[in-house]
Amino acid sequence: MDVEDVKRSFEHKVVQHCAPTLAGVKPSSLFNFTCLEKSAAKEGLVHLPAAIDACRSKIEHAGVALSVLVERKTGTLVFVYRPDAIALVLEHAPSKDFLQSRSYDTSSAETCIESLRTRFEHYDCCRREANACLRCEFPHEVGLLLGYPYEDVMGFIANDGRGDICNGFWKVYGDEHSARNVFDCFKEHTRIFVDLFERGTPIEELVQLGRIA
């Protein structure tokens, strides 16, 4: 698997999992990059940093950032986000207060993402131990940064993920009608962007569509 193969594979995953963010209708997206075939995994991983850097350079001109949160044996956890949109999330006082209560630095989108990286690093480290501490539980508050409604994120945390009204991109505890409309919106953008990419539209042109929109 050469570097161009890895670049193409990585970009395809970004489009597949992050289309709503590329389109500008979702502040961020999170996915685990594990598409390499086992027979080519070691060779492919050598080229992965170059593939990530290449993709980052293609989308940053449209106001989209790409950050690696953690690297695991099972894959690389990638966070694609729009700093301006994350900044708007942080202007929502209840969301900001809750993130600060979990030791996030909310002074900027960038510092907030660094705090998220630290939370995932703690979670990964702690879950290897027999007695994981509460501080290192899975960072479910990431839902706020992913653009999920505040009441749904709080509902998920309070109910340990049980008792939801419905689910799609997230579990819903509040406005089902609004959530289903958003699910449909995300699905449609994903369908369109994946189709365009697979037909040959470069990712740098796709993300430009989101910038115009």
N, C-alpha and C. Protein backbone atom coordinates (compact mmCIF):
# COMPACT_ATOMS: atom_id res chain seq x y z
N MET A 1 0.86 -1.19 0.00
CA MET A 1 0.00 0.00 0.00
C MET A 1 0.89 1.24 0.00
N ASP A 2 0.89 2.01 -1.10
CA ASP A 2 1.78 3.17 -1.16
C ASP A 2 1.10 4.39 -0.56
N VAL A 3 1.82 5.50 -0.51
CA VAL A 3 1.33 6.69 0.17
C VAL A 3 0.07 7.25 -0.49
N GLU A 4 -0.03 7.16 -1.80
CA GLU A 4 -1.22 7.68 -2.49
C GLU A 4 -2.46 6.85 -2.15
N ASP A 5 -2.28 5.54 -2.00
CA ASP A 5 -3.40 4.69 -1.60
C ASP A 5 -3.91 5.08 -0.21
N VAL A 6 -2.97 5.33 0.69
CA VAL A 6 -3.35 5.69 2.06
C VAL A 6 -4.02 7.07 2.08
N LYS A 7 -3.49 8.00 1.30
CA LYS A 7 -4.10 9.33 1.22
C LYS A 7 -5.55 9.23 0.74
N ARG A 8 -5.75 8.46 -0.30
CA ARG A 8 -7.09 8.31 -0.85
C ARG A 8 -8.03 7.64 0.15
N SER A 9 -7.54 6.60 0.81
CA SER A 9 -8.34 5.88 1.79
C SER A 9 -8.72 6.79 2.96
N PHE A 10 -7.75 7.58 3.41
CA PHE A 10 -8.01 8.47 4.54
C PHE A 10 -9.01 9.55 4.15
N GLU A 11 -8.84 10.15 2.99
CA GLU A 11 -9.78 11.18 2.54
C GLU A 11 -11.19 10.63 2.39
N HIS A 12 -11.28 9.40 1.91
CA HIS A 12 -12.61 8.79 1.75
C HIS A 12 -13.29 8.65 3.12
N LYS A 13 -12.52 8.26 4.13
CA LYS A 13 -13.09 8.13 5.48
C LYS A 13 -13.51 9.49 6.03
N VAL A 14 -12.72 10.52 5.75
CA VAL A 14 -13.08 11.86 6.21
C VAL A 14 -14.40 12.29 5.59
N VAL A 15 -14.55 12.07 4.29
CA VAL A 15 -15.80 12.43 3.62
C VAL A 15 -16.96 11.59 4.14
N GLN A 16 -16.73 10.31 4.31
CA GLN A 16 -17.78 9.38 4.75
C GLN A 16 -18.28 9.71 6.16
N HIS A 17 -17.37 10.06 7.05
CA HIS A 17 -17.74 10.27 8.45
C HIS A 17 -17.90 11.74 8.84
N CYS A 18 -17.43 12.65 8.02
CA CYS A 18 -17.41 14.06 8.41
C CYS A 18 -18.12 14.98 7.42
N ALA A 19 -18.88 14.42 6.49
CA ALA A 19 -19.53 15.25 5.46
C ALA A 19 -20.33 16.42 6.04
N PRO A 20 -21.15 16.22 7.09
CA PRO A 20 -21.90 17.37 7.63
C PRO A 20 -21.00 18.49 8.13
N THR A 21 -19.83 18.14 8.65
CA THR A 21 -18.88 19.16 9.10
C THR A 21 -18.23 19.83 7.90
N LEU A 22 -17.85 19.07 6.89
CA LEU A 22 -17.30 19.65 5.67
C LEU A 22 -18.32 20.59 5.03
N ALA A 23 -19.60 20.21 5.14
CA ALA A 23 -20.68 21.00 4.53
C ALA A 23 -21.05 22.23 5.35
N GLY A 24 -20.54 22.31 6.58
CA GLY A 24 -20.82 23.47 7.41
C GLY A 24 -22.12 23.43 8.18
N VAL A 25 -22.71 22.22 8.31
CA VAL A 25 -23.97 22.10 9.05
C VAL A 25 -23.79 21.40 10.39
N LYS A 26 -22.56 21.10 10.74
CA LYS A 26 -22.24 20.41 11.99
C LYS A 26 -20.87 20.91 12.44
N PRO A 27 -20.70 21.28 13.72
CA PRO A 27 -19.43 21.87 14.15
C PRO A 27 -18.23 20.94 14.09
N SER A 28 -18.46 19.65 14.28
CA SER A 28 -17.32 18.72 14.28
C SER A 28 -17.80 17.29 14.07
N SER A 29 -16.84 16.43 13.76
CA SER A 29 -17.11 15.01 13.59
C SER A 29 -15.93 14.23 14.14
N LEU A 30 -16.20 13.00 14.55
CA LEU A 30 -15.19 12.15 15.18
C LEU A 30 -15.26 10.76 14.57
N PHE A 31 -14.12 10.20 14.19
CA PHE A 31 -14.13 8.84 13.67
C PHE A 31 -12.80 8.15 13.95
N ASN A 32 -12.84 6.83 13.88
CA ASN A 32 -11.66 6.02 14.10
C ASN A 32 -11.19 5.48 12.76
N PHE A 33 -9.97 5.81 12.37
CA PHE A 33 -9.46 5.39 11.07
C PHE A 33 -8.85 3.99 11.18
N THR A 34 -9.54 3.02 10.60
CA THR A 34 -9.10 1.63 10.67
C THR A 34 -9.31 0.91 9.34
N CYS A 35 -9.26 1.65 8.23
CA CYS A 35 -9.66 1.04 6.96
C CYS A 35 -8.58 0.18 6.31
N LEU A 36 -7.37 0.21 6.82
CA LEU A 36 -6.30 -0.53 6.16
C LEU A 36 -6.49 -2.04 6.29
N GLU A 37 -6.26 -2.72 5.21
CA GLU A 37 -6.31 -4.18 5.24
C GLU A 37 -5.19 -4.72 6.12
N LYS A 38 -5.47 -5.79 6.86
CA LYS A 38 -4.47 -6.33 7.77
C LYS A 38 -3.15 -6.65 7.06
N SER A 39 -3.25 -7.15 5.85
CA SER A 39 -2.04 -7.53 5.12
C SER A 39 -1.17 -6.35 4.78
N ALA A 40 -1.78 -5.14 4.76
CA ALA A 40 -1.02 -3.94 4.39
C ALA A 40 -0.97 -2.92 5.52
N ALA A 41 -1.41 -3.33 6.71
CA ALA A 41 -1.54 -2.38 7.81
C ALA A 41 -0.21 -1.73 8.19
N LYS A 42 0.83 -2.53 8.37
CA LYS A 42 2.11 -1.97 8.80
C LYS A 42 2.66 -1.02 7.77
N GLU A 43 2.58 -1.40 6.51
CA GLU A 43 3.07 -0.54 5.44
C GLU A 43 2.25 0.74 5.38
N GLY A 44 0.92 0.59 5.52
CA GLY A 44 0.05 1.75 5.45
C GLY A 44 0.26 2.73 6.59
N LEU A 45 0.50 2.22 7.79
CA LEU A 45 0.69 3.09 8.94
C LEU A 45 1.92 3.97 8.79
N VAL A 46 2.89 3.51 8.06
CA VAL A 46 4.09 4.32 7.80
C VAL A 46 3.71 5.59 7.05
N HIS A 47 2.72 5.47 6.16
CA HIS A 47 2.32 6.59 5.33
C HIS A 47 1.20 7.42 5.93
N LEU A 48 0.61 6.97 7.05
CA LEU A 48 -0.55 7.65 7.61
C LEU A 48 -0.26 9.10 8.01
N PRO A 49 0.85 9.42 8.68
CA PRO A 49 1.11 10.83 9.02
C PRO A 49 1.12 11.74 7.80
N ALA A 50 1.70 11.26 6.71
CA ALA A 50 1.73 12.06 5.48
C ALA A 50 0.32 12.24 4.93
N ALA A 51 -0.49 11.19 5.02
CA ALA A 51 -1.87 11.26 4.53
C ALA A 51 -2.68 12.26 5.36
N ILE A 52 -2.48 12.24 6.67
CA ILE A 52 -3.20 13.17 7.56
C ILE A 52 -2.79 14.61 7.26
N ASP A 53 -1.48 14.84 7.12
CA ASP A 53 -1.00 16.19 6.83
C ASP A 53 -1.52 16.69 5.48
N ALA A 54 -1.54 15.80 4.50
CA ALA A 54 -2.01 16.19 3.17
C ALA A 54 -3.49 16.56 3.20
N CYS A 55 -4.29 15.77 3.91
CA CYS A 55 -5.71 16.05 4.01
C CYS A 55 -5.94 17.36 4.77
N ARG A 56 -5.21 17.55 5.84
CA ARG A 56 -5.35 18.78 6.64
C ARG A 56 -5.09 20.01 5.76
N SER A 57 -4.05 19.94 4.94
CA SER A 57 -3.71 21.09 4.10
C SER A 57 -4.77 21.37 3.04
N LYS A 58 -5.53 20.35 2.66
CA LYS A 58 -6.55 20.51 1.63
C LYS A 58 -7.85 21.11 2.15
N ILE A 59 -8.08 20.99 3.46
CA ILE A 59 -9.36 21.46 4.00
C ILE A 59 -9.24 22.71 4.88
N GLU A 60 -8.03 23.03 5.32
CA GLU A 60 -7.89 24.13 6.25
C GLU A 60 -8.20 25.48 5.61
N HIS A 61 -8.04 25.60 4.29
CA HIS A 61 -8.32 26.88 3.62
C HIS A 61 -9.79 27.26 3.72
N ALA A 62 -10.65 26.27 3.96
CA ALA A 62 -12.09 26.52 4.07
C ALA A 62 -12.53 26.59 5.53
N GLY A 63 -11.60 26.76 6.44
CA GLY A 63 -11.96 26.90 7.85
C GLY A 63 -12.25 25.61 8.57
N VAL A 64 -11.69 24.50 8.08
CA VAL A 64 -11.89 23.20 8.72
C VAL A 64 -10.54 22.69 9.23
N ALA A 65 -10.50 22.30 10.50
CA ALA A 65 -9.28 21.79 11.11
C ALA A 65 -9.38 20.28 11.32
N LEU A 66 -8.23 19.64 11.39
CA LEU A 66 -8.18 18.19 11.60
C LEU A 66 -7.15 17.92 12.68
N SER A 67 -7.56 17.17 13.69
CA SER A 67 -6.68 16.87 14.81
C SER A 67 -6.73 15.40 15.16
N VAL A 68 -5.58 14.81 15.44
CA VAL A 68 -5.53 13.43 15.93
C VAL A 68 -5.61 13.48 17.45
N LEU A 69 -6.63 12.82 18.00
CA LEU A 69 -6.80 12.83 19.45
C LEU A 69 -5.95 11.77 20.13
N VAL A 70 -6.05 10.53 19.66
CA VAL A 70 -5.23 9.46 20.22
C VAL A 70 -4.91 8.45 19.11
N GLU A 71 -3.78 7.78 19.27
CA GLU A 71 -3.40 6.70 18.37
C GLU A 71 -3.40 5.40 19.15
N ARG A 72 -4.13 4.43 18.64
CA ARG A 72 -4.27 3.14 19.32
C ARG A 72 -3.89 2.02 18.37
N LYS A 73 -3.74 0.84 18.93
CA LYS A 73 -3.48 -0.33 18.09
C LYS A 73 -4.68 -0.60 17.19
N THR A 74 -5.87 -0.21 17.66
CA THR A 74 -7.09 -0.47 16.91
C THR A 74 -7.42 0.63 15.91
N GLY A 75 -6.61 1.69 15.89
CA GLY A 75 -6.86 2.75 14.93
C GLY A 75 -6.49 4.12 15.48
N THR A 76 -6.67 5.12 14.63
CA THR A 76 -6.35 6.50 14.97
C THR A 76 -7.64 7.30 15.11
N LEU A 77 -7.85 7.92 16.29
CA LEU A 77 -9.06 8.68 16.55
C LEU A 77 -8.87 10.10 16.01
N VAL A 78 -9.69 10.45 15.03
CA VAL A 78 -9.53 11.71 14.30
C VAL A 78 -10.72 12.63 14.58
N PHE A 79 -10.41 13.89 14.85
CA PHE A 79 -11.44 14.91 15.13
C PHE A 79 -11.34 15.98 14.06
N VAL A 80 -12.40 16.13 13.28
CA VAL A 80 -12.47 17.14 12.22
C VAL A 80 -13.47 18.20 12.68
N TYR A 81 -13.06 19.46 12.67
CA TYR A 81 -13.94 20.49 13.24
C TYR A 81 -13.75 21.85 12.58
N ARG A 82 -14.76 22.67 12.77
CA ARG A 82 -14.71 24.07 12.34
C ARG A 82 -14.51 24.93 13.59
N PRO A 83 -13.33 25.54 13.75
CA PRO A 83 -13.07 26.34 14.96
C PRO A 83 -14.13 27.41 15.22
N ASP A 84 -14.61 28.05 14.17
CA ASP A 84 -15.63 29.09 14.36
C ASP A 84 -16.91 28.50 14.94
N ALA A 85 -17.27 27.30 14.49
CA ALA A 85 -18.48 26.65 15.00
C ALA A 85 -18.29 26.17 16.43
N ILE A 86 -17.09 25.68 16.76
CA ILE A 86 -16.81 25.28 18.14
C ILE A 86 -16.89 26.50 19.05
N ALA A 87 -16.41 27.64 18.57
CA ALA A 87 -16.47 28.87 19.36
C ALA A 87 -17.91 29.23 19.68
N LEU A 88 -18.83 28.97 18.74
CA LEU A 88 -20.25 29.24 18.99
C LEU A 88 -20.81 28.31 20.06
N VAL A 89 -20.37 27.04 20.03
CA VAL A 89 -20.78 26.10 21.08
C VAL A 89 -20.36 26.63 22.44
N LEU A 90 -19.15 27.19 22.51
CA LEU A 90 -18.62 27.69 23.77
C LEU A 90 -19.30 28.98 24.24
N GLU A 91 -20.06 29.60 23.33
CA GLU A 91 -20.82 30.79 23.73
C GLU A 91 -22.12 30.41 24.43
N HIS A 92 -22.50 29.12 24.33
CA HIS A 92 -23.69 28.64 25.03
C HIS A 92 -23.31 28.40 26.49
N ALA A 93 -23.80 29.25 27.37
CA ALA A 93 -23.36 29.25 28.77
C ALA A 93 -23.46 27.89 29.46
N PRO A 94 -24.58 27.17 29.36
CA PRO A 94 -24.66 25.88 30.04
C PRO A 94 -23.62 24.88 29.52
N SER A 95 -23.39 24.87 28.21
CA SER A 95 -22.38 23.97 27.64
C SER A 95 -20.99 24.34 28.13
N LYS A 96 -20.70 25.63 28.11
CA LYS A 96 -19.40 26.11 28.56
C LYS A 96 -19.17 25.76 30.03
N ASP A 97 -20.19 26.00 30.85
CA ASP A 97 -20.07 25.71 32.28
C ASP A 97 -19.83 24.21 32.52
N PHE A 98 -20.54 23.37 31.78
CA PHE A 98 -20.38 21.94 31.98
C PHE A 98 -18.99 21.48 31.55
N LEU A 99 -18.52 22.00 30.43
CA LEU A 99 -17.17 21.64 29.98
C LEU A 99 -16.12 22.10 30.99
N GLN A 100 -16.30 23.29 31.53
CA GLN A 100 -15.35 23.78 32.54
C GLN A 100 -15.39 22.91 33.79
N SER A 101 -16.58 22.40 34.13
CA SER A 101 -16.69 21.53 35.30
C SER A 101 -15.93 20.23 35.10
N ARG A 102 -15.62 19.90 33.83
CA ARG A 102 -14.85 18.70 33.51
C ARG A 102 -13.43 19.05 33.08
N SER A 103 -12.98 20.21 33.57
CA SER A 103 -11.58 20.64 33.42
C SER A 103 -11.18 21.02 32.00
N TYR A 104 -12.15 21.46 31.19
CA TYR A 104 -11.83 21.95 29.85
C TYR A 104 -11.40 23.41 29.92
N ASP A 105 -10.42 23.75 29.11
CA ASP A 105 -10.03 25.14 28.93
C ASP A 105 -10.89 25.68 27.78
N THR A 106 -11.88 26.49 28.11
CA THR A 106 -12.83 26.97 27.10
C THR A 106 -12.50 28.37 26.59
N SER A 107 -11.26 28.80 26.77
CA SER A 107 -10.89 30.14 26.32
C SER A 107 -10.84 30.26 24.80
N SER A 108 -10.71 29.14 24.10
CA SER A 108 -10.73 29.16 22.63
C SER A 108 -11.07 27.76 22.14
N ALA A 109 -11.41 27.68 20.86
CA ALA A 109 -11.70 26.37 20.26
C ALA A 109 -10.48 25.46 20.35
N GLU A 110 -9.32 26.03 20.09
CA GLU A 110 -8.09 25.23 20.08
C GLU A 110 -7.76 24.67 21.46
N THR A 111 -7.88 25.51 22.49
CA THR A 111 -7.57 25.01 23.84
C THR A 111 -8.61 23.99 24.30
N CYS A 112 -9.83 24.16 23.83
CA CYS A 112 -10.88 23.21 24.18
C CYS A 112 -10.59 21.84 23.56
N ILE A 113 -10.12 21.84 22.32
CA ILE A 113 -9.79 20.58 21.65
C ILE A 113 -8.58 19.93 22.32
N GLU A 114 -7.64 20.73 22.79
CA GLU A 114 -6.51 20.18 23.53
C GLU A 114 -6.99 19.51 24.81
N SER A 115 -7.96 20.12 25.47
CA SER A 115 -8.54 19.52 26.68
C SER A 115 -9.24 18.21 26.34
N LEU A 116 -9.91 18.17 25.20
CA LEU A 116 -10.57 16.94 24.76
C LEU A 116 -9.54 15.85 24.52
N ARG A 117 -8.43 16.21 23.91
CA ARG A 117 -7.37 15.23 23.67
C ARG A 117 -6.87 14.66 25.00
N THR A 118 -6.69 15.52 25.98
CA THR A 118 -6.24 15.08 27.30
C THR A 118 -7.25 14.13 27.93
N ARG A 119 -8.54 14.44 27.78
CA ARG A 119 -9.57 13.57 28.34
C ARG A 119 -9.53 12.19 27.70
N PHE A 120 -9.33 12.11 26.40
CA PHE A 120 -9.25 10.82 25.74
C PHE A 120 -7.97 10.08 26.13
N GLU A 121 -6.89 10.81 26.31
CA GLU A 121 -5.65 10.18 26.74
C GLU A 121 -5.81 9.58 28.13
N HIS A 122 -6.46 10.30 29.03
CA HIS A 122 -6.71 9.79 30.37
C HIS A 122 -7.62 8.56 30.33
N TYR A 123 -8.64 8.65 29.49
CA TYR A 123 -9.57 7.52 29.37
C TYR A 123 -8.84 6.29 28.86
N ASP A 124 -8.03 6.46 27.83
CA ASP A 124 -7.31 5.32 27.27
C ASP A 124 -6.34 4.71 28.28
N CYS A 125 -5.70 5.57 29.05
CA CYS A 125 -4.74 5.08 30.04
C CYS A 125 -5.46 4.37 31.17
N CYS A 126 -6.53 4.99 31.65
CA CYS A 126 -7.22 4.48 32.84
C CYS A 126 -7.97 3.19 32.55
N ARG A 127 -8.51 3.04 31.37
CA ARG A 127 -9.32 1.84 31.09
C ARG A 127 -8.48 0.59 30.99
N ARG A 128 -7.17 0.76 30.95
CA ARG A 128 -6.29 -0.41 30.96
C ARG A 128 -6.12 -0.97 32.37
N GLU A 129 -6.49 -0.13 33.35
CA GLU A 129 -6.33 -0.52 34.75
C GLU A 129 -7.57 -1.26 35.25
N ALA A 130 -7.38 -2.04 36.28
CA ALA A 130 -8.50 -2.82 36.84
C ALA A 130 -9.54 -1.92 37.49
N ASN A 131 -9.10 -0.83 38.13
CA ASN A 131 -10.02 0.08 38.82
C ASN A 131 -9.91 1.47 38.21
N ALA A 132 -10.70 1.72 37.17
CA ALA A 132 -10.67 3.02 36.51
C ALA A 132 -11.28 4.09 37.42
N CYS A 133 -10.69 5.28 37.44
CA CYS A 133 -11.21 6.36 38.27
C CYS A 133 -12.29 7.12 37.51
N LEU A 134 -13.17 7.80 38.25
CA LEU A 134 -14.27 8.53 37.63
C LEU A 134 -13.77 9.65 36.73
N ARG A 135 -12.63 10.25 37.07
CA ARG A 135 -12.09 11.35 36.27
C ARG A 135 -11.74 10.88 34.86
N CYS A 136 -11.50 9.59 34.73
CA CYS A 136 -11.06 9.05 33.45
C CYS A 136 -12.13 8.25 32.74
N GLU A 137 -13.40 8.50 33.07
CA GLU A 137 -14.48 7.84 32.36
C GLU A 137 -14.55 8.38 30.93
N PHE A 138 -15.28 7.68 30.07
CA PHE A 138 -15.38 8.13 28.68
C PHE A 138 -15.91 9.57 28.63
N PRO A 139 -15.30 10.43 27.83
CA PRO A 139 -15.72 11.84 27.78
C PRO A 139 -17.00 12.06 26.97
N HIS A 140 -18.13 11.69 27.54
CA HIS A 140 -19.40 11.83 26.82
C HIS A 140 -19.73 13.29 26.50
N GLU A 141 -19.08 14.22 27.21
CA GLU A 141 -19.32 15.63 26.93
C GLU A 141 -18.86 16.03 25.53
N VAL A 142 -18.13 15.16 24.86
CA VAL A 142 -17.74 15.42 23.48
C VAL A 142 -18.97 15.66 22.62
N GLY A 143 -20.12 15.14 23.03
CA GLY A 143 -21.36 15.36 22.29
C GLY A 143 -21.68 16.84 22.11
N LEU A 144 -21.34 17.65 23.10
CA LEU A 144 -21.58 19.09 22.99
C LEU A 144 -20.76 19.68 21.84
N LEU A 145 -19.51 19.24 21.72
CA LEU A 145 -18.63 19.75 20.66
C LEU A 145 -19.03 19.19 19.30
N LEU A 146 -19.68 18.04 19.31
CA LEU A 146 -20.15 17.44 18.06
C LEU A 146 -21.46 18.07 17.58
N GLY A 147 -21.98 19.01 18.37
CA GLY A 147 -23.19 19.71 17.96
C GLY A 147 -24.48 19.07 18.40
N TYR A 148 -24.43 18.10 19.28
CA TYR A 148 -25.65 17.47 19.78
C TYR A 148 -26.33 18.43 20.75
N PRO A 149 -27.67 18.43 20.81
CA PRO A 149 -28.37 19.34 21.72
C PRO A 149 -27.95 19.11 23.18
N TYR A 150 -27.86 20.22 23.89
CA TYR A 150 -27.43 20.17 25.29
C TYR A 150 -28.29 19.22 26.11
N GLU A 151 -29.62 19.30 25.94
CA GLU A 151 -30.51 18.46 26.75
C GLU A 151 -30.33 16.97 26.44
N ASP A 152 -29.93 16.66 25.21
CA ASP A 152 -29.72 15.26 24.86
C ASP A 152 -28.41 14.73 25.44
N VAL A 153 -27.38 15.57 25.42
CA VAL A 153 -26.09 15.16 26.02
C VAL A 153 -26.26 14.98 27.52
N MET A 154 -26.94 15.92 28.16
CA MET A 154 -27.16 15.81 29.60
C MET A 154 -28.05 14.60 29.92
N GLY A 155 -29.04 14.36 29.07
CA GLY A 155 -29.92 13.22 29.27
C GLY A 155 -29.18 11.91 29.15
N PHE A 156 -28.28 11.83 28.19
CA PHE A 156 -27.48 10.62 28.00
C PHE A 156 -26.61 10.36 29.23
N ILE A 157 -25.95 11.41 29.71
CA ILE A 157 -25.06 11.26 30.87
C ILE A 157 -25.85 10.89 32.12
N ALA A 158 -26.98 11.56 32.33
CA ALA A 158 -27.79 11.32 33.54
C ALA A 158 -28.40 9.92 33.55
N ASN A 159 -28.70 9.39 32.35
CA ASN A 159 -29.37 8.09 32.26
C ASN A 159 -28.45 6.95 31.82
N ASP A 160 -27.15 7.22 31.80
CA ASP A 160 -26.19 6.21 31.38
C ASP A 160 -26.53 5.63 30.01
N GLY A 161 -27.05 6.49 29.14
CA GLY A 161 -27.34 6.07 27.78
C GLY A 161 -28.61 5.26 27.61
N ARG A 162 -29.39 5.13 28.67
CA ARG A 162 -30.63 4.35 28.60
C ARG A 162 -31.85 5.29 28.54
N GLY A 163 -32.98 4.72 28.10
CA GLY A 163 -34.24 5.44 28.15
C GLY A 163 -34.41 6.55 27.13
N ASP A 164 -33.69 6.49 26.02
CA ASP A 164 -33.81 7.52 24.99
C ASP A 164 -35.12 7.39 24.23
N ILE A 165 -35.58 8.51 23.66
CA ILE A 165 -36.81 8.53 22.87
C ILE A 165 -36.57 7.87 21.51
N CYS A 166 -35.46 8.23 20.90
CA CYS A 166 -35.06 7.66 19.62
C CYS A 166 -33.57 7.89 19.46
N ASN A 167 -32.98 7.34 18.43
CA ASN A 167 -31.55 7.57 18.23
C ASN A 167 -31.20 7.52 16.76
N GLY A 168 -30.13 8.22 16.44
CA GLY A 168 -29.61 8.25 15.08
C GLY A 168 -28.14 8.60 15.18
N PHE A 169 -27.80 9.85 14.93
CA PHE A 169 -26.42 10.30 15.12
C PHE A 169 -26.10 10.44 16.61
N TRP A 170 -27.15 10.57 17.41
CA TRP A 170 -27.00 10.59 18.87
C TRP A 170 -28.30 10.07 19.48
N LYS A 171 -28.30 9.85 20.79
CA LYS A 171 -29.52 9.42 21.48
C LYS A 171 -30.30 10.65 21.94
N VAL A 172 -31.59 10.62 21.67
CA VAL A 172 -32.45 11.79 21.89
C VAL A 172 -33.25 11.65 23.19
N TYR A 173 -33.22 12.71 24.00
CA TYR A 173 -34.00 12.75 25.24
C TYR A 173 -34.92 13.96 25.27
N GLY A 174 -34.81 14.83 24.26
CA GLY A 174 -35.61 16.04 24.23
C GLY A 174 -36.54 16.12 23.04
N ASP A 175 -36.21 16.98 22.09
CA ASP A 175 -37.06 17.27 20.93
C ASP A 175 -36.84 16.23 19.82
N GLU A 176 -37.71 15.24 19.78
CA GLU A 176 -37.56 14.17 18.80
C GLU A 176 -37.74 14.67 17.37
N HIS A 177 -38.74 15.51 17.15
CA HIS A 177 -39.03 15.99 15.79
C HIS A 177 -37.83 16.75 15.22
N SER A 178 -37.29 17.65 16.02
CA SER A 178 -36.13 18.43 15.57
C SER A 178 -34.94 17.52 15.31
N ALA A 179 -34.73 16.56 16.18
CA ALA A 179 -33.59 15.64 16.03
C ALA A 179 -33.70 14.83 14.75
N ARG A 180 -34.88 14.33 14.46
CA ARG A 180 -35.06 13.53 13.25
C ARG A 180 -34.80 14.37 11.99
N ASN A 181 -35.19 15.65 12.03
CA ASN A 181 -34.91 16.54 10.90
C ASN A 181 -33.41 16.72 10.71
N VAL A 182 -32.71 16.85 11.82
CA VAL A 182 -31.25 17.00 11.74
C VAL A 182 -30.61 15.70 11.24
N PHE A 183 -31.09 14.56 11.72
CA PHE A 183 -30.57 13.27 11.22
C PHE A 183 -30.71 13.20 9.70
N ASP A 184 -31.88 13.59 9.20
CA ASP A 184 -32.11 13.54 7.75
C ASP A 184 -31.17 14.49 7.01
N CYS A 185 -30.95 15.65 7.60
CA CYS A 185 -30.03 16.63 7.00
C CYS A 185 -28.62 16.06 6.92
N PHE A 186 -28.15 15.47 8.01
CA PHE A 186 -26.80 14.89 8.03
C PHE A 186 -26.67 13.75 7.03
N LYS A 187 -27.70 12.90 6.96
CA LYS A 187 -27.67 11.78 6.04
C LYS A 187 -27.61 12.25 4.59
N GLU A 188 -28.38 13.29 4.29
CA GLU A 188 -28.42 13.80 2.91
C GLU A 188 -27.08 14.42 2.51
N HIS A 189 -26.49 15.19 3.39
CA HIS A 189 -25.18 15.76 3.09
C HIS A 189 -24.13 14.66 2.92
N THR A 190 -24.21 13.63 3.74
CA THR A 190 -23.28 12.51 3.62
C THR A 190 -23.45 11.81 2.28
N ARG A 191 -24.69 11.55 1.91
CA ARG A 191 -24.96 10.89 0.63
C ARG A 191 -24.40 11.70 -0.54
N ILE A 192 -24.66 12.99 -0.54
CA ILE A 192 -24.22 13.84 -1.64
C ILE A 192 -22.70 13.94 -1.70
N PHE A 193 -22.08 14.18 -0.56
CA PHE A 193 -20.63 14.38 -0.55
C PHE A 193 -19.88 13.10 -0.89
N VAL A 194 -20.34 11.96 -0.37
CA VAL A 194 -19.68 10.69 -0.70
C VAL A 194 -19.82 10.40 -2.19
N ASP A 195 -21.01 10.64 -2.73
CA ASP A 195 -21.23 10.42 -4.17
C ASP A 195 -20.32 11.29 -5.01
N LEU A 196 -20.21 12.57 -4.65
CA LEU A 196 -19.34 13.47 -5.40
C LEU A 196 -17.88 13.05 -5.32
N PHE A 197 -17.46 12.66 -4.11
CA PHE A 197 -16.07 12.26 -3.93
C PHE A 197 -15.76 11.01 -4.75
N GLU A 198 -16.65 10.03 -4.69
CA GLU A 198 -16.42 8.79 -5.42
C GLU A 198 -16.49 8.98 -6.93
N ARG A 199 -17.13 10.07 -7.35
CA ARG A 199 -17.19 10.39 -8.78
C ARG A 199 -15.99 11.23 -9.23
N GLY A 200 -15.12 11.57 -8.26
CA GLY A 200 -13.89 12.26 -8.63
C GLY A 200 -13.73 13.68 -8.15
N THR A 201 -14.70 14.22 -7.40
CA THR A 201 -14.55 15.58 -6.88
C THR A 201 -13.54 15.59 -5.73
N PRO A 202 -12.47 16.37 -5.83
CA PRO A 202 -11.46 16.39 -4.77
C PRO A 202 -12.03 16.92 -3.46
N ILE A 203 -11.47 16.48 -2.37
CA ILE A 203 -11.98 16.90 -1.06
C ILE A 203 -11.83 18.40 -0.87
N GLU A 204 -10.81 19.02 -1.46
CA GLU A 204 -10.64 20.47 -1.32
C GLU A 204 -11.75 21.24 -2.01
N GLU A 205 -12.37 20.65 -3.01
CA GLU A 205 -13.52 21.29 -3.67
C GLU A 205 -14.80 21.03 -2.87
N LEU A 206 -14.91 19.84 -2.29
CA LEU A 206 -16.08 19.53 -1.48
C LEU A 206 -16.18 20.48 -0.29
N VAL A 207 -15.09 20.68 0.40
CA VAL A 207 -15.11 21.54 1.58
C VAL A 207 -15.36 22.99 1.20
N GLN A 208 -15.01 23.35 -0.01
CA GLN A 208 -15.30 24.69 -0.48
C GLN A 208 -16.81 24.91 -0.65
N LEU A 209 -17.53 23.85 -1.00
CA LEU A 209 -18.98 23.93 -1.10
C LEU A 209 -19.57 24.30 0.25
N GLY A 210 -19.02 23.72 1.30
CA GLY A 210 -19.48 24.03 2.64
C GLY A 210 -19.19 25.46 3.01
N ARG A 211 -18.06 25.97 2.55
CA ARG A 211 -17.67 27.35 2.86
C ARG A 211 -18.62 28.33 2.19
N ILE A 212 -19.01 28.01 0.95
CA ILE A 212 -19.94 28.87 0.23
C ILE A 212 -21.31 28.85 0.86
N ALA A 213 -21.74 27.62 1.27
CA ALA A 213 -23.05 27.48 1.90
C ALA A 213 -23.12 28.25 3.21
